[in-house]
Amino acid sequence: MTTSAVLMMIVAMLVVWGGLVASVLFLRARPEVDDAELPDPDAPPAEPR
């Protein structure tokens, strides 16, 4: 492999693995909300005490 091919391979690997690391860090900081945790929009409003 030529030097330019090796450099392009390293750049491509850094882009792919960097995106993976960035997405993992993003999801750890802001996890996805589960549908079960959301309030039911069809439920009647709670009565005030």
PDB file of N, CA and C in Angstrom:
ATOM      1  N   MET A   1       0.845  -1.181   0.000  1.00  0.00           N
ATOM      2  CA  MET A   1       0.000   0.000   0.000  1.00  0.00           C
ATOM      3  C   MET A   1       0.890   1.244   0.000  1.00  0.00           C
ATOM      4  N   THR A   2       0.431   2.214  -0.727  1.00  0.00           N
ATOM      5  CA  THR A   2       1.197   3.457  -0.791  1.00  0.00           C
ATOM      6  C   THR A   2       0.925   4.306   0.455  1.00  0.00           C
ATOM      7  N   THR A   3       1.748   5.297   0.654  1.00  0.00           N
ATOM      8  CA  THR A   3       1.604   6.175   1.816  1.00  0.00           C
ATOM      9  C   THR A   3       0.277   6.914   1.787  1.00  0.00           C
ATOM     10  N   SER A   4      -0.127   7.377   0.615  1.00  0.00           N
ATOM     11  CA  SER A   4      -1.398   8.108   0.535  1.00  0.00           C
ATOM     12  C   SER A   4      -2.584   7.183   0.828  1.00  0.00           C
ATOM     13  N   ALA A   5      -2.495   5.923   0.420  1.00  0.00           N
ATOM     14  CA  ALA A   5      -3.582   4.979   0.707  1.00  0.00           C
ATOM     15  C   ALA A   5      -3.676   4.705   2.207  1.00  0.00           C
ATOM     16  N   VAL A   6      -2.539   4.568   2.863  1.00  0.00           N
ATOM     17  CA  VAL A   6      -2.533   4.341   4.304  1.00  0.00           C
ATOM     18  C   VAL A   6      -3.096   5.556   5.032  1.00  0.00           C
ATOM     19  N   LEU A   7      -2.710   6.749   4.613  1.00  0.00           N
ATOM     20  CA  LEU A   7      -3.226   7.961   5.251  1.00  0.00           C
ATOM     21  C   LEU A   7      -4.736   8.097   5.061  1.00  0.00           C
ATOM     22  N   MET A   8      -5.224   7.806   3.866  1.00  0.00           N
ATOM     23  CA  MET A   8      -6.667   7.872   3.633  1.00  0.00           C
ATOM     24  C   MET A   8      -7.409   6.835   4.460  1.00  0.00           C
ATOM     25  N   MET A   9      -6.823   5.637   4.620  1.00  0.00           N
ATOM     26  CA  MET A   9      -7.443   4.605   5.443  1.00  0.00           C
ATOM     27  C   MET A   9      -7.504   5.052   6.896  1.00  0.00           C
ATOM     28  N   ILE A  10      -6.445   5.670   7.389  1.00  0.00           N
ATOM     29  CA  ILE A  10      -6.423   6.150   8.776  1.00  0.00           C
ATOM     30  C   ILE A  10      -7.458   7.259   8.972  1.00  0.00           C
ATOM     31  N   VAL A  11      -7.558   8.166   8.012  1.00  0.00           N
ATOM     32  CA  VAL A  11      -8.549   9.244   8.105  1.00  0.00           C
ATOM     33  C   VAL A  11      -9.963   8.663   8.119  1.00  0.00           C
ATOM     34  N   ALA A  12     -10.230   7.703   7.249  1.00  0.00           N
ATOM     35  CA  ALA A  12     -11.561   7.093   7.202  1.00  0.00           C
ATOM     36  C   ALA A  12     -11.870   6.364   8.506  1.00  0.00           C
ATOM     37  N   MET A  13     -10.890   5.654   9.059  1.00  0.00           N
ATOM     38  CA  MET A  13     -11.108   4.952  10.323  1.00  0.00           C
ATOM     39  C   MET A  13     -11.365   5.939  11.460  1.00  0.00           C
ATOM     40  N   LEU A  14     -10.642   7.058  11.472  1.00  0.00           N
ATOM     41  CA  LEU A  14     -10.860   8.062  12.510  1.00  0.00           C
ATOM     42  C   LEU A  14     -12.252   8.677  12.405  1.00  0.00           C
ATOM     43  N   VAL A  15     -12.726   8.894  11.194  1.00  0.00           N
ATOM     44  CA  VAL A  15     -14.064   9.461  11.007  1.00  0.00           C
ATOM     45  C   VAL A  15     -15.120   8.484  11.512  1.00  0.00           C
ATOM     46  N   VAL A  16     -15.004   7.213  11.149  1.00  0.00           N
ATOM     47  CA  VAL A  16     -16.003   6.213  11.557  1.00  0.00           C
ATOM     48  C   VAL A  16     -15.973   6.008  13.068  1.00  0.00           C
ATOM     49  N   TRP A  17     -14.804   5.739  13.633  1.00  0.00           N
ATOM     50  CA  TRP A  17     -14.706   5.485  15.071  1.00  0.00           C
ATOM     51  C   TRP A  17     -14.982   6.752  15.873  1.00  0.00           C
ATOM     52  N   GLY A  18     -14.606   7.903  15.360  1.00  0.00           N
ATOM     53  CA  GLY A  18     -14.916   9.159  16.040  1.00  0.00           C
ATOM     54  C   GLY A  18     -16.410   9.414  16.102  1.00  0.00           C
ATOM     55  N   GLY A  19     -17.110   9.099  15.021  1.00  0.00           N
ATOM     56  CA  GLY A  19     -18.568   9.229  15.024  1.00  0.00           C
ATOM     57  C   GLY A  19     -19.216   8.278  16.004  1.00  0.00           C
ATOM     58  N   LEU A  20     -18.684   7.070  16.100  1.00  0.00           N
ATOM     59  CA  LEU A  20     -19.217   6.101  17.055  1.00  0.00           C
ATOM     60  C   LEU A  20     -19.021   6.594  18.486  1.00  0.00           C
ATOM     61  N   VAL A  21     -17.831   7.073  18.790  1.00  0.00           N
ATOM     62  CA  VAL A  21     -17.546   7.575  20.141  1.00  0.00           C
ATOM     63  C   VAL A  21     -18.423   8.785  20.447  1.00  0.00           C
ATOM     64  N   ALA A  22     -18.569   9.678  19.492  1.00  0.00           N
ATOM     65  CA  ALA A  22     -19.398  10.869  19.703  1.00  0.00           C
ATOM     66  C   ALA A  22     -20.854  10.490  19.953  1.00  0.00           C
ATOM     67  N   SER A  23     -21.376   9.529  19.211  1.00  0.00           N
ATOM     68  CA  SER A  23     -22.768   9.133  19.412  1.00  0.00           C
ATOM     69  C   SER A  23     -22.974   8.429  20.746  1.00  0.00           C
ATOM     70  N   VAL A  24     -22.003   7.630  21.179  1.00  0.00           N
ATOM     71  CA  VAL A  24     -22.109   6.977  22.486  1.00  0.00           C
ATOM     72  C   VAL A  24     -22.087   8.022  23.599  1.00  0.00           C
ATOM     73  N   LEU A  25     -21.192   8.988  23.504  1.00  0.00           N
ATOM     74  CA  LEU A  25     -21.134  10.037  24.518  1.00  0.00           C
ATOM     75  C   LEU A  25     -22.414  10.871  24.535  1.00  0.00           C
ATOM     76  N   PHE A  26     -22.961  11.152  23.370  1.00  0.00           N
ATOM     77  CA  PHE A  26     -24.206  11.921  23.293  1.00  0.00           C
ATOM     78  C   PHE A  26     -25.354  11.162  23.943  1.00  0.00           C
ATOM     79  N   LEU A  27     -25.467   9.855  23.652  1.00  0.00           N
ATOM     80  CA  LEU A  27     -26.556   9.074  24.232  1.00  0.00           C
ATOM     81  C   LEU A  27     -26.374   8.854  25.727  1.00  0.00           C
ATOM     82  N   ARG A  28     -25.134   8.811  26.206  1.00  0.00           N
ATOM     83  CA  ARG A  28     -24.923   8.703  27.650  1.00  0.00           C
ATOM     84  C   ARG A  28     -25.336   9.986  28.352  1.00  0.00           C
ATOM     85  N   ALA A  29     -25.121  11.136  27.716  1.00  0.00           N
ATOM     86  CA  ALA A  29     -25.472  12.413  28.325  1.00  0.00           C
ATOM     87  C   ALA A  29     -26.975  12.687  28.222  1.00  0.00           C
ATOM     88  N   ARG A  30     -27.584  12.283  27.119  1.00  0.00           N
ATOM     89  CA  ARG A  30     -29.007  12.531  26.879  1.00  0.00           C
ATOM     90  C   ARG A  30     -29.659  11.241  26.410  1.00  0.00           C
ATOM     91  N   PRO A  31     -30.008  10.337  27.337  1.00  0.00           N
ATOM     92  CA  PRO A  31     -30.583   9.049  26.913  1.00  0.00           C
ATOM     93  C   PRO A  31     -31.957   9.236  26.260  1.00  0.00           C
ATOM     94  N   GLU A  32     -32.286   8.295  25.412  1.00  0.00           N
ATOM     95  CA  GLU A  32     -33.583   8.347  24.753  1.00  0.00           C
ATOM     96  C   GLU A  32     -34.693   8.124  25.763  1.00  0.00           C
ATOM     97  N   VAL A  33     -35.819   8.799  25.563  1.00  0.00           N
ATOM     98  CA  VAL A  33     -36.958   8.659  26.454  1.00  0.00           C
ATOM     99  C   VAL A  33     -37.765   7.453  26.007  1.00  0.00           C
ATOM    100  N   ASP A  34     -38.069   6.581  26.955  1.00  0.00           N
ATOM    101  CA  ASP A  34     -38.884   5.401  26.657  1.00  0.00           C
ATOM    102  C   ASP A  34     -40.343   5.835  26.562  1.00  0.00           C
ATOM    103  N   ASP A  35     -41.100   5.217  25.666  1.00  0.00           N
ATOM    104  CA  ASP A  35     -42.505   5.571  25.505  1.00  0.00           C
ATOM    105  C   ASP A  35     -43.307   5.326  26.774  1.00  0.00           C
ATOM    106  N   ALA A  36     -42.906   4.365  27.592  1.00  0.00           N
ATOM    107  CA  ALA A  36     -43.625   4.068  28.828  1.00  0.00           C
ATOM    108  C   ALA A  36     -43.474   5.188  29.851  1.00  0.00           C
ATOM    109  N   GLU A  37     -42.429   5.994  29.746  1.00  0.00           N
ATOM    110  CA  GLU A  37     -42.204   7.079  30.696  1.00  0.00           C
ATOM    111  C   GLU A  37     -43.007   8.329  30.350  1.00  0.00           C
ATOM    112  N   LEU A  38     -43.521   8.417  29.138  1.00  0.00           N
ATOM    113  CA  LEU A  38     -44.264   9.598  28.723  1.00  0.00           C
ATOM    114  C   LEU A  38     -45.675   9.557  29.307  1.00  0.00           C
ATOM    115  N   PRO A  39     -46.245  10.723  29.625  1.00  0.00           N
ATOM    116  CA  PRO A  39     -47.624  10.718  30.131  1.00  0.00           C
ATOM    117  C   PRO A  39     -48.596  10.343  29.012  1.00  0.00           C
ATOM    118  N   ASP A  40     -49.701   9.738  29.403  1.00  0.00           N
ATOM    119  CA  ASP A  40     -50.719   9.311  28.442  1.00  0.00           C
ATOM    120  C   ASP A  40     -51.518  10.535  28.011  1.00  0.00           C
ATOM    121  N   PRO A  41     -51.512  10.890  26.724  1.00  0.00           N
ATOM    122  CA  PRO A  41     -52.233  12.096  26.285  1.00  0.00           C
ATOM    123  C   PRO A  41     -53.741  11.940  26.365  1.00  0.00           C
ATOM    124  N   ASP A  42     -54.235  10.682  26.408  1.00  0.00           N
ATOM    125  CA  ASP A  42     -55.678  10.453  26.460  1.00  0.00           C
ATOM    126  C   ASP A  42     -56.204  10.391  27.891  1.00  0.00           C
ATOM    127  N   ALA A  43     -55.328  10.376  28.867  1.00  0.00           N
ATOM    128  CA  ALA A  43     -55.758  10.289  30.268  1.00  0.00           C
ATOM    129  C   ALA A  43     -56.345  11.631  30.708  1.00  0.00           C
ATOM    130  N   PRO A  44     -57.381  11.569  31.551  1.00  0.00           N
ATOM    131  CA  PRO A  44     -57.939  12.840  32.050  1.00  0.00           C
ATOM    132  C   PRO A  44     -56.929  13.529  32.963  1.00  0.00           C
ATOM    133  N   PRO A  45     -57.010  14.862  33.042  1.00  0.00           N
ATOM    134  CA  PRO A  45     -56.056  15.568  33.910  1.00  0.00           C
ATOM    135  C   PRO A  45     -56.280  15.207  35.373  1.00  0.00           C
ATOM    136  N   ALA A  46     -55.226  15.266  36.142  1.00  0.00           N
ATOM    137  CA  ALA A  46     -55.310  14.925  37.563  1.00  0.00           C
ATOM    138  C   ALA A  46     -56.096  16.009  38.296  1.00  0.00           C
ATOM    139  N   GLU A  47     -56.896  15.576  39.273  1.00  0.00           N
ATOM    140  CA  GLU A  47     -57.677  16.500  40.083  1.00  0.00           C
ATOM    141  C   GLU A  47     -56.767  17.219  41.079  1.00  0.00           C
ATOM    142  N   PRO A  48     -56.864  18.546  41.195  1.00  0.00           N
ATOM    143  CA  PRO A  48     -56.060  19.234  42.218  1.00  0.00           C
ATOM    144  C   PRO A  48     -56.597  18.914  43.616  1.00  0.00           C
ATOM    145  N   ARG A  49     -55.737  18.867  44.596  1.00  0.00           N
ATOM    146  CA  ARG A  49     -56.149  18.529  45.965  1.00  0.00           C
ATOM    147  C   ARG A  49     -56.570  19.741  46.719  1.00  0.00           C
TER     148      ARG A  49
END
